[in-house]
Amino acid sequence: EQAAPPSAGVAGMEGMGGSAGGVMGG
């Protein structure tokens, strides 16, 4: 089974302290 690619962009935005949706919109 191939591992799913890591969602680096979403994880990075969540680690910045904000929600993924809000950071993505910004």
mmCIF file of all heavy atoms, coordinates in Angstrom:
data_MODEL
# 
_entry.id   MODEL 
# 
loop_
_atom_site.group_PDB 
_atom_site.id 
_atom_site.type_symbol 
_atom_site.label_atom_id 
_atom_site.label_alt_id 
_atom_site.label_comp_id 
_atom_site.label_asym_id 
_atom_site.label_entity_id 
_atom_site.label_seq_id 
_atom_site.pdbx_PDB_ins_code 
_atom_site.Cartn_x 
_atom_site.Cartn_y 
_atom_site.Cartn_z 
_atom_site.occupancy 
_atom_site.B_iso_or_equiv 
_atom_site.pdbx_formal_charge 
_atom_site.auth_seq_id 
_atom_site.auth_comp_id 
_atom_site.auth_asym_id 
_atom_site.auth_atom_id 
_atom_site.pdbx_PDB_model_num 
ATOM 1   N N   . GLU A 1 1  ? 0.849  -1.193 0.000  1.00 0.00 ? 1  GLU A N   1 
ATOM 2   C CA  . GLU A 1 1  ? 0.000  0.000  0.000  1.00 0.00 ? 1  GLU A CA  1 
ATOM 3   C C   . GLU A 1 1  ? 0.881  1.237  0.000  1.00 0.00 ? 1  GLU A C   1 
ATOM 4   O O   . GLU A 1 1  ? 1.837  1.335  0.770  1.00 0.00 ? 1  GLU A O   1 
ATOM 5   C CB  . GLU A 1 1  ? -0.905 0.006  1.239  1.00 0.00 ? 1  GLU A CB  1 
ATOM 6   C CG  . GLU A 1 1  ? -1.918 -1.147 1.263  1.00 0.00 ? 1  GLU A CG  1 
ATOM 7   C CD  . GLU A 1 1  ? -2.835 -1.045 2.457  1.00 0.00 ? 1  GLU A CD  1 
ATOM 8   O OE1 . GLU A 1 1  ? -2.623 -0.117 3.258  1.00 0.00 ? 1  GLU A OE1 1 
ATOM 9   O OE2 . GLU A 1 1  ? -3.742 -1.879 2.578  1.00 0.00 ? 1  GLU A OE2 1 
ATOM 10  N N   . GLN A 1 2  ? 0.562  2.145  -0.910 1.00 0.00 ? 2  GLN A N   1 
ATOM 11  C CA  . GLN A 1 2  ? 1.320  3.391  -0.984 1.00 0.00 ? 2  GLN A CA  1 
ATOM 12  C C   . GLN A 1 2  ? 0.804  4.371  0.061  1.00 0.00 ? 2  GLN A C   1 
ATOM 13  O O   . GLN A 1 2  ? -0.401 4.561  0.213  1.00 0.00 ? 2  GLN A O   1 
ATOM 14  C CB  . GLN A 1 2  ? 1.187  4.009  -2.374 1.00 0.00 ? 2  GLN A CB  1 
ATOM 15  C CG  . GLN A 1 2  ? 1.782  3.138  -3.484 1.00 0.00 ? 2  GLN A CG  1 
ATOM 16  C CD  . GLN A 1 2  ? 1.654  3.802  -4.823 1.00 0.00 ? 2  GLN A CD  1 
ATOM 17  O OE1 . GLN A 1 2  ? 1.052  4.866  -4.936 1.00 0.00 ? 2  GLN A OE1 1 
ATOM 18  N NE2 . GLN A 1 2  ? 2.237  3.171  -5.838 1.00 0.00 ? 2  GLN A NE2 1 
ATOM 19  N N   . ALA A 1 3  ? 1.763  4.963  0.739  1.00 0.00 ? 3  ALA A N   1 
ATOM 20  C CA  . ALA A 1 3  ? 1.394  5.926  1.785  1.00 0.00 ? 3  ALA A CA  1 
ATOM 21  C C   . ALA A 1 3  ? 0.880  7.205  1.150  1.00 0.00 ? 3  ALA A C   1 
ATOM 22  O O   . ALA A 1 3  ? 1.352  7.633  0.097  1.00 0.00 ? 3  ALA A O   1 
ATOM 23  C CB  . ALA A 1 3  ? 2.598  6.219  2.664  1.00 0.00 ? 3  ALA A CB  1 
ATOM 24  N N   . ALA A 1 4  ? -0.112 7.809  1.767  1.00 0.00 ? 4  ALA A N   1 
ATOM 25  C CA  . ALA A 1 4  ? -0.673 9.053  1.257  1.00 0.00 ? 4  ALA A CA  1 
ATOM 26  C C   . ALA A 1 4  ? 0.330  10.173 1.431  1.00 0.00 ? 4  ALA A C   1 
ATOM 27  O O   . ALA A 1 4  ? 1.112  10.190 2.381  1.00 0.00 ? 4  ALA A O   1 
ATOM 28  C CB  . ALA A 1 4  ? -1.963 9.395  2.007  1.00 0.00 ? 4  ALA A CB  1 
ATOM 29  N N   . PRO A 1 5  ? 0.401  11.121 0.463  1.00 0.00 ? 5  PRO A N   1 
ATOM 30  C CA  . PRO A 1 5  ? 1.360  12.221 0.591  1.00 0.00 ? 5  PRO A CA  1 
ATOM 31  C C   . PRO A 1 5  ? 1.012  13.087 1.791  1.00 0.00 ? 5  PRO A C   1 
ATOM 32  O O   . PRO A 1 5  ? -0.153 13.342 2.094  1.00 0.00 ? 5  PRO A O   1 
ATOM 33  C CB  . PRO A 1 5  ? 1.186  12.990 -0.730 1.00 0.00 ? 5  PRO A CB  1 
ATOM 34  C CG  . PRO A 1 5  ? -0.183 12.649 -1.203 1.00 0.00 ? 5  PRO A CG  1 
ATOM 35  C CD  . PRO A 1 5  ? -0.418 11.245 -0.753 1.00 0.00 ? 5  PRO A CD  1 
ATOM 36  N N   . PRO A 1 6  ? 2.032  13.524 2.530  1.00 0.00 ? 6  PRO A N   1 
ATOM 37  C CA  . PRO A 1 6  ? 1.763  14.356 3.712  1.00 0.00 ? 6  PRO A CA  1 
ATOM 38  C C   . PRO A 1 6  ? 1.216  15.711 3.312  1.00 0.00 ? 6  PRO A C   1 
ATOM 39  O O   . PRO A 1 6  ? 1.625  16.298 2.321  1.00 0.00 ? 6  PRO A O   1 
ATOM 40  C CB  . PRO A 1 6  ? 3.143  14.477 4.365  1.00 0.00 ? 6  PRO A CB  1 
ATOM 41  C CG  . PRO A 1 6  ? 4.113  14.277 3.254  1.00 0.00 ? 6  PRO A CG  1 
ATOM 42  C CD  . PRO A 1 6  ? 3.479  13.302 2.315  1.00 0.00 ? 6  PRO A CD  1 
ATOM 43  N N   . SER A 1 7  ? 0.234  16.152 4.040  1.00 0.00 ? 7  SER A N   1 
ATOM 44  C CA  . SER A 1 7  ? -0.359 17.470 3.778  1.00 0.00 ? 7  SER A CA  1 
ATOM 45  C C   . SER A 1 7  ? 0.445  18.508 4.539  1.00 0.00 ? 7  SER A C   1 
ATOM 46  O O   . SER A 1 7  ? 0.102  18.947 5.626  1.00 0.00 ? 7  SER A O   1 
ATOM 47  C CB  . SER A 1 7  ? -1.831 17.479 4.222  1.00 0.00 ? 7  SER A CB  1 
ATOM 48  O OG  . SER A 1 7  ? -1.923 17.098 5.575  1.00 0.00 ? 7  SER A OG  1 
ATOM 49  N N   . ALA A 1 8  ? 1.599  18.854 3.919  1.00 0.00 ? 8  ALA A N   1 
ATOM 50  C CA  . ALA A 1 8  ? 2.511  19.767 4.608  1.00 0.00 ? 8  ALA A CA  1 
ATOM 51  C C   . ALA A 1 8  ? 1.915  21.163 4.724  1.00 0.00 ? 8  ALA A C   1 
ATOM 52  O O   . ALA A 1 8  ? 2.080  21.864 5.724  1.00 0.00 ? 8  ALA A O   1 
ATOM 53  C CB  . ALA A 1 8  ? 3.845  19.830 3.860  1.00 0.00 ? 8  ALA A CB  1 
ATOM 54  N N   . GLY A 1 9  ? 1.201  21.573 3.682  1.00 0.00 ? 9  GLY A N   1 
ATOM 55  C CA  . GLY A 1 9  ? 0.681  22.942 3.709  1.00 0.00 ? 9  GLY A CA  1 
ATOM 56  C C   . GLY A 1 9  ? -0.346 23.130 4.799  1.00 0.00 ? 9  GLY A C   1 
ATOM 57  O O   . GLY A 1 9  ? -0.302 24.073 5.585  1.00 0.00 ? 9  GLY A O   1 
ATOM 58  N N   . VAL A 1 10 ? -1.288 22.190 4.937  1.00 0.00 ? 10 VAL A N   1 
ATOM 59  C CA  . VAL A 1 10 ? -2.330 22.327 5.953  1.00 0.00 ? 10 VAL A CA  1 
ATOM 60  C C   . VAL A 1 10 ? -1.742 22.177 7.342  1.00 0.00 ? 10 VAL A C   1 
ATOM 61  O O   . VAL A 1 10 ? -2.079 22.907 8.265  1.00 0.00 ? 10 VAL A O   1 
ATOM 62  C CB  . VAL A 1 10 ? -3.432 21.290 5.695  1.00 0.00 ? 10 VAL A CB  1 
ATOM 63  C CG1 . VAL A 1 10 ? -4.488 21.348 6.765  1.00 0.00 ? 10 VAL A CG1 1 
ATOM 64  C CG2 . VAL A 1 10 ? -4.058 21.529 4.328  1.00 0.00 ? 10 VAL A CG2 1 
ATOM 65  N N   . ALA A 1 11 ? -0.815 21.187 7.478  1.00 0.00 ? 11 ALA A N   1 
ATOM 66  C CA  . ALA A 1 11 ? -0.222 20.998 8.804  1.00 0.00 ? 11 ALA A CA  1 
ATOM 67  C C   . ALA A 1 11 ? 0.561  22.222 9.224  1.00 0.00 ? 11 ALA A C   1 
ATOM 68  O O   . ALA A 1 11 ? 0.537  22.639 10.372 1.00 0.00 ? 11 ALA A O   1 
ATOM 69  C CB  . ALA A 1 11 ? 0.679  19.761 8.807  1.00 0.00 ? 11 ALA A CB  1 
ATOM 70  N N   . GLY A 1 12 ? 1.294  22.819 8.271  1.00 0.00 ? 12 GLY A N   1 
ATOM 71  C CA  . GLY A 1 12 ? 2.069  24.013 8.614  1.00 0.00 ? 12 GLY A CA  1 
ATOM 72  C C   . GLY A 1 12 ? 1.176  25.156 9.028  1.00 0.00 ? 12 GLY A C   1 
ATOM 73  O O   . GLY A 1 12 ? 1.468  25.892 9.968  1.00 0.00 ? 12 GLY A O   1 
ATOM 74  N N   . MET A 1 13 ? 0.050  25.310 8.356  1.00 0.00 ? 13 MET A N   1 
ATOM 75  C CA  . MET A 1 13 ? -0.843 26.415 8.707  1.00 0.00 ? 13 MET A CA  1 
ATOM 76  C C   . MET A 1 13 ? -1.507 26.169 10.047 1.00 0.00 ? 13 MET A C   1 
ATOM 77  O O   . MET A 1 13 ? -1.725 27.090 10.823 1.00 0.00 ? 13 MET A O   1 
ATOM 78  C CB  . MET A 1 13 ? -1.880 26.589 7.604  1.00 0.00 ? 13 MET A CB  1 
ATOM 79  C CG  . MET A 1 13 ? -1.292 27.200 6.329  1.00 0.00 ? 13 MET A CG  1 
ATOM 80  S SD  . MET A 1 13 ? -2.550 27.527 5.102  1.00 0.00 ? 13 MET A SD  1 
ATOM 81  C CE  . MET A 1 13 ? -2.941 25.879 4.626  1.00 0.00 ? 13 MET A CE  1 
ATOM 82  N N   . GLU A 1 14 ? -1.827 24.865 10.321 1.00 0.00 ? 14 GLU A N   1 
ATOM 83  C CA  . GLU A 1 14 ? -2.421 24.609 11.626 1.00 0.00 ? 14 GLU A CA  1 
ATOM 84  C C   . GLU A 1 14 ? -1.415 24.802 12.742 1.00 0.00 ? 14 GLU A C   1 
ATOM 85  O O   . GLU A 1 14 ? -1.742 25.230 13.843 1.00 0.00 ? 14 GLU A O   1 
ATOM 86  C CB  . GLU A 1 14 ? -2.967 23.174 11.647 1.00 0.00 ? 14 GLU A CB  1 
ATOM 87  C CG  . GLU A 1 14 ? -4.185 22.990 10.762 1.00 0.00 ? 14 GLU A CG  1 
ATOM 88  C CD  . GLU A 1 14 ? -4.691 21.574 10.806 1.00 0.00 ? 14 GLU A CD  1 
ATOM 89  O OE1 . GLU A 1 14 ? -4.022 20.755 11.453 1.00 0.00 ? 14 GLU A OE1 1 
ATOM 90  O OE2 . GLU A 1 14 ? -5.750 21.310 10.208 1.00 0.00 ? 14 GLU A OE2 1 
ATOM 91  N N   . GLY A 1 15 ? -0.124 24.498 12.430 1.00 0.00 ? 15 GLY A N   1 
ATOM 92  C CA  . GLY A 1 15 ? 0.892  24.678 13.466 1.00 0.00 ? 15 GLY A CA  1 
ATOM 93  C C   . GLY A 1 15 ? 1.169  26.123 13.764 1.00 0.00 ? 15 GLY A C   1 
ATOM 94  O O   . GLY A 1 15 ? 1.794  26.442 14.770 1.00 0.00 ? 15 GLY A O   1 
ATOM 95  N N   . MET A 1 16 ? 0.748  27.040 12.873 1.00 0.00 ? 16 MET A N   1 
ATOM 96  C CA  . MET A 1 16 ? 1.000  28.456 13.111 1.00 0.00 ? 16 MET A CA  1 
ATOM 97  C C   . MET A 1 16 ? 0.040  29.031 14.130 1.00 0.00 ? 16 MET A C   1 
ATOM 98  O O   . MET A 1 16 ? 0.120  30.201 14.491 1.00 0.00 ? 16 MET A O   1 
ATOM 99  C CB  . MET A 1 16 ? 0.885  29.231 11.792 1.00 0.00 ? 16 MET A CB  1 
ATOM 100 C CG  . MET A 1 16 ? 1.964  28.870 10.786 1.00 0.00 ? 16 MET A CG  1 
ATOM 101 S SD  . MET A 1 16 ? 1.693  29.625 9.187  1.00 0.00 ? 16 MET A SD  1 
ATOM 102 C CE  . MET A 1 16 ? 1.810  31.340 9.620  1.00 0.00 ? 16 MET A CE  1 
ATOM 103 N N   . GLY A 1 17 ? -0.878 28.248 14.600 1.00 0.00 ? 17 GLY A N   1 
ATOM 104 C CA  . GLY A 1 17 ? -1.741 28.742 15.668 1.00 0.00 ? 17 GLY A CA  1 
ATOM 105 C C   . GLY A 1 17 ? -3.126 29.077 15.213 1.00 0.00 ? 17 GLY A C   1 
ATOM 106 O O   . GLY A 1 17 ? -3.988 29.390 16.023 1.00 0.00 ? 17 GLY A O   1 
ATOM 107 N N   . GLY A 1 18 ? -3.419 29.037 13.947 1.00 0.00 ? 18 GLY A N   1 
ATOM 108 C CA  . GLY A 1 18 ? -4.744 29.375 13.456 1.00 0.00 ? 18 GLY A CA  1 
ATOM 109 C C   . GLY A 1 18 ? -5.383 28.165 12.826 1.00 0.00 ? 18 GLY A C   1 
ATOM 110 O O   . GLY A 1 18 ? -4.771 27.122 12.658 1.00 0.00 ? 18 GLY A O   1 
ATOM 111 N N   . SER A 1 19 ? -6.627 28.303 12.484 1.00 0.00 ? 19 SER A N   1 
ATOM 112 C CA  . SER A 1 19 ? -7.336 27.212 11.834 1.00 0.00 ? 19 SER A CA  1 
ATOM 113 C C   . SER A 1 19 ? -6.915 27.122 10.375 1.00 0.00 ? 19 SER A C   1 
ATOM 114 O O   . SER A 1 19 ? -6.470 28.110 9.782  1.00 0.00 ? 19 SER A O   1 
ATOM 115 C CB  . SER A 1 19 ? -8.847 27.437 11.941 1.00 0.00 ? 19 SER A CB  1 
ATOM 116 O OG  . SER A 1 19 ? -9.200 28.627 11.255 1.00 0.00 ? 19 SER A OG  1 
ATOM 117 N N   . ALA A 1 20 ? -7.097 25.937 9.806  1.00 0.00 ? 20 ALA A N   1 
ATOM 118 C CA  . ALA A 1 20 ? -6.688 25.737 8.410  1.00 0.00 ? 20 ALA A CA  1 
ATOM 119 C C   . ALA A 1 20 ? -7.533 26.583 7.480  1.00 0.00 ? 20 ALA A C   1 
ATOM 120 O O   . ALA A 1 20 ? -7.032 27.169 6.536  1.00 0.00 ? 20 ALA A O   1 
ATOM 121 C CB  . ALA A 1 20 ? -6.801 24.264 8.048  1.00 0.00 ? 20 ALA A CB  1 
ATOM 122 N N   . GLY A 1 21 ? -8.835 26.647 7.736  1.00 0.00 ? 21 GLY A N   1 
ATOM 123 C CA  . GLY A 1 21 ? -9.707 27.409 6.848  1.00 0.00 ? 21 GLY A CA  1 
ATOM 124 C C   . GLY A 1 21 ? -9.398 28.887 6.871  1.00 0.00 ? 21 GLY A C   1 
ATOM 125 O O   . GLY A 1 21 ? -9.324 29.548 5.851  1.00 0.00 ? 21 GLY A O   1 
ATOM 126 N N   . GLY A 1 22 ? -9.174 29.422 8.074  1.00 0.00 ? 22 GLY A N   1 
ATOM 127 C CA  . GLY A 1 22 ? -8.903 30.850 8.154  1.00 0.00 ? 22 GLY A CA  1 
ATOM 128 C C   . GLY A 1 22 ? -7.585 31.219 7.520  1.00 0.00 ? 22 GLY A C   1 
ATOM 129 O O   . GLY A 1 22 ? -7.474 32.205 6.794  1.00 0.00 ? 22 GLY A O   1 
ATOM 130 N N   . VAL A 1 23 ? -6.544 30.417 7.757  1.00 0.00 ? 23 VAL A N   1 
ATOM 131 C CA  . VAL A 1 23 ? -5.245 30.732 7.182  1.00 0.00 ? 23 VAL A CA  1 
ATOM 132 C C   . VAL A 1 23 ? -5.277 30.594 5.672  1.00 0.00 ? 23 VAL A C   1 
ATOM 133 O O   . VAL A 1 23 ? -4.706 31.393 4.943  1.00 0.00 ? 23 VAL A O   1 
ATOM 134 C CB  . VAL A 1 23 ? -4.170 29.817 7.815  1.00 0.00 ? 23 VAL A CB  1 
ATOM 135 C CG1 . VAL A 1 23 ? -2.823 30.052 7.153  1.00 0.00 ? 23 VAL A CG1 1 
ATOM 136 C CG2 . VAL A 1 23 ? -4.072 30.101 9.300  1.00 0.00 ? 23 VAL A CG2 1 
ATOM 137 N N   . MET A 1 24 ? -5.974 29.539 5.198  1.00 0.00 ? 24 MET A N   1 
ATOM 138 C CA  . MET A 1 24 ? -6.067 29.350 3.752  1.00 0.00 ? 24 MET A CA  1 
ATOM 139 C C   . MET A 1 24 ? -6.787 30.520 3.108  1.00 0.00 ? 24 MET A C   1 
ATOM 140 O O   . MET A 1 24 ? -6.390 31.015 2.060  1.00 0.00 ? 24 MET A O   1 
ATOM 141 C CB  . MET A 1 24 ? -6.791 28.037 3.441  1.00 0.00 ? 24 MET A CB  1 
ATOM 142 C CG  . MET A 1 24 ? -6.890 27.719 1.948  1.00 0.00 ? 24 MET A CG  1 
ATOM 143 S SD  . MET A 1 24 ? -5.293 27.478 1.191  1.00 0.00 ? 24 MET A SD  1 
ATOM 144 C CE  . MET A 1 24 ? -4.858 25.900 1.937  1.00 0.00 ? 24 MET A CE  1 
ATOM 145 N N   . GLY A 1 25 ? -7.865 30.978 3.729  1.00 0.00 ? 25 GLY A N   1 
ATOM 146 C CA  . GLY A 1 25 ? -8.572 32.125 3.172  1.00 0.00 ? 25 GLY A CA  1 
ATOM 147 C C   . GLY A 1 25 ? -7.701 33.366 3.168  1.00 0.00 ? 25 GLY A C   1 
ATOM 148 O O   . GLY A 1 25 ? -7.722 34.146 2.219  1.00 0.00 ? 25 GLY A O   1 
ATOM 149 N N   . GLY A 1 26 ? -6.913 33.550 4.248  1.00 0.00 ? 26 GLY A N   1 
ATOM 150 C CA  . GLY A 1 26 ? -6.041 34.722 4.278  1.00 0.00 ? 26 GLY A CA  1 
ATOM 151 C C   . GLY A 1 26 ? -4.959 34.665 3.231  1.00 0.00 ? 26 GLY A C   1 
ATOM 152 O O   . GLY A 1 26 ? -4.628 35.666 2.593  1.00 0.00 ? 26 GLY A O   1 
# 
